[in-house]
Amino acid sequence: MNNEPDGLYGKAAKLFAVLSMPIRWRSISELCQGEQNPGPLLGGLGFTQANMCPHLNSMHRPGILANRRQGAQMFDRIADESVAMACKTVCHQ
C-alpha cells in the first residue's frame, strides 16, 4: 500500500480540486477538440474574458493547460492528457 501523500491519490486530489468548478470542466471539454484561441473558446462557452481568464490561469499554473503565442494571438491546449481522459470519462458517458 502506498502511503506517500503525493502519490497517485494525491495527484488525483489536486487535479479534482483545480477542476472543482463546472466552467473548468466545460473548458477542458472544448479543448479536447483541439487547441483554441480564447476568443472562440469564450464564445462557445458563453462567458466573458473577465470571467474566464482566472479559470484558465488556474489551469495553467499546475500544468493542466499550456499555451503558445502566434503573432499577437494566444492559443490554449490541454498539456496533460490524463486530464483529457478524465474529462471524457466523467463528462461524456
Protein backbone atom coordinates (compact mmCIF):
# COMPACT_ATOMS: atom_id res chain seq x y z
CA MET A 1 0.00 0.00 0.00
CA ASN A 2 1.37 3.42 -1.00
CA ASN A 3 1.41 5.81 1.99
CA GLU A 4 3.09 8.58 0.00
CA PRO A 5 0.77 11.64 0.25
CA ASP A 6 1.63 12.93 -3.22
CA GLY A 7 1.36 9.58 -4.94
CA LEU A 8 -1.37 8.69 -7.37
CA TYR A 9 -4.18 9.64 -4.97
CA GLY A 10 -2.55 12.95 -4.11
CA LYS A 11 -2.20 13.81 -7.79
CA ALA A 12 -5.85 12.91 -8.42
CA ALA A 13 -6.99 15.00 -5.43
CA LYS A 14 -5.05 18.03 -6.68
CA LEU A 15 -6.44 17.61 -10.19
CA PHE A 16 -10.04 17.39 -8.99
CA ALA A 17 -9.51 20.38 -6.67
CA VAL A 18 -8.43 22.54 -9.62
CA LEU A 19 -11.29 21.20 -11.74
CA SER A 20 -13.87 21.70 -8.99
CA MET A 21 -15.84 24.28 -10.97
CA PRO A 22 -18.14 23.39 -13.90
CA ILE A 23 -16.72 26.17 -16.10
CA ARG A 24 -13.32 24.49 -15.94
CA TRP A 25 -14.73 21.10 -16.97
CA ARG A 26 -16.55 22.79 -19.85
CA SER A 27 -13.31 24.47 -20.94
CA ILE A 28 -11.44 21.17 -20.85
CA SER A 29 -14.22 19.53 -22.82
CA GLU A 30 -13.96 22.22 -25.52
CA LEU A 31 -10.17 21.95 -25.59
CA CYS A 32 -10.44 18.17 -26.07
CA GLN A 33 -11.46 19.10 -29.62
CA GLY A 34 -8.06 20.73 -30.10
CA GLU A 35 -6.09 23.87 -29.47
CA GLN A 36 -8.15 27.06 -29.43
CA ASN A 37 -7.78 30.80 -29.24
CA PRO A 38 -9.55 32.12 -26.12
CA GLY A 39 -11.93 34.24 -28.24
CA PRO A 40 -13.77 31.34 -29.89
CA LEU A 41 -13.45 29.33 -26.68
CA LEU A 42 -15.21 32.11 -24.76
CA GLY A 43 -17.89 32.42 -27.44
CA GLY A 44 -18.56 28.70 -27.41
CA LEU A 45 -18.90 28.66 -23.64
CA GLY A 46 -20.86 31.92 -23.36
CA PHE A 47 -18.51 33.57 -20.83
CA THR A 48 -16.77 36.92 -20.82
CA GLN A 49 -13.00 37.27 -20.86
CA ALA A 50 -13.05 38.82 -17.39
CA ASN A 51 -14.92 35.77 -16.07
CA MET A 52 -12.90 33.17 -17.93
CA CYS A 53 -9.33 34.46 -17.53
CA PRO A 54 -8.91 33.48 -13.85
CA HIS A 55 -10.22 29.99 -14.61
CA LEU A 56 -7.78 29.47 -17.49
CA ASN A 57 -4.92 30.81 -15.35
CA SER A 58 -5.81 28.41 -12.55
CA MET A 59 -5.43 25.53 -15.01
CA HIS A 60 -2.17 26.86 -16.49
CA ARG A 61 -0.35 27.08 -13.13
CA PRO A 62 -0.43 23.34 -12.32
CA GLY A 63 0.28 22.35 -15.94
CA ILE A 64 -3.22 21.21 -16.91
CA LEU A 65 -3.25 23.67 -19.80
CA ALA A 66 -0.45 25.14 -21.89
CA ASN A 67 -0.45 27.94 -24.40
CA ARG A 68 1.55 29.25 -27.29
CA ARG A 69 1.77 32.61 -28.95
CA GLN A 70 1.35 33.11 -32.69
CA GLY A 71 1.87 36.76 -33.51
CA ALA A 72 -0.50 38.71 -31.27
CA GLN A 73 -2.73 35.71 -30.55
CA MET A 74 -2.52 33.11 -27.82
CA PHE A 75 -3.74 29.54 -28.19
CA ASP A 76 -4.64 27.24 -25.29
CA ARG A 77 -4.36 23.46 -25.33
CA ILE A 78 -4.51 20.57 -22.89
CA ALA A 79 -0.99 19.90 -21.63
CA ASP A 80 -1.78 16.83 -19.50
CA GLU A 81 -3.53 14.10 -21.48
CA SER A 82 -4.68 12.43 -18.26
CA VAL A 83 -6.96 15.47 -17.81
CA ALA A 84 -8.49 14.91 -21.25
CA MET A 85 -9.05 11.25 -20.38
CA ALA A 86 -10.67 12.18 -17.07
CA CYS A 87 -12.95 14.67 -18.81
CA LYS A 88 -14.00 12.13 -21.41
CA THR A 89 -14.70 9.58 -18.69
CA VAL A 90 -16.60 11.91 -16.38
CA CYS A 91 -18.39 14.23 -18.82
CA HIS A 92 -19.11 12.09 -21.89
CA GLN A 93 -20.69 8.93 -20.55
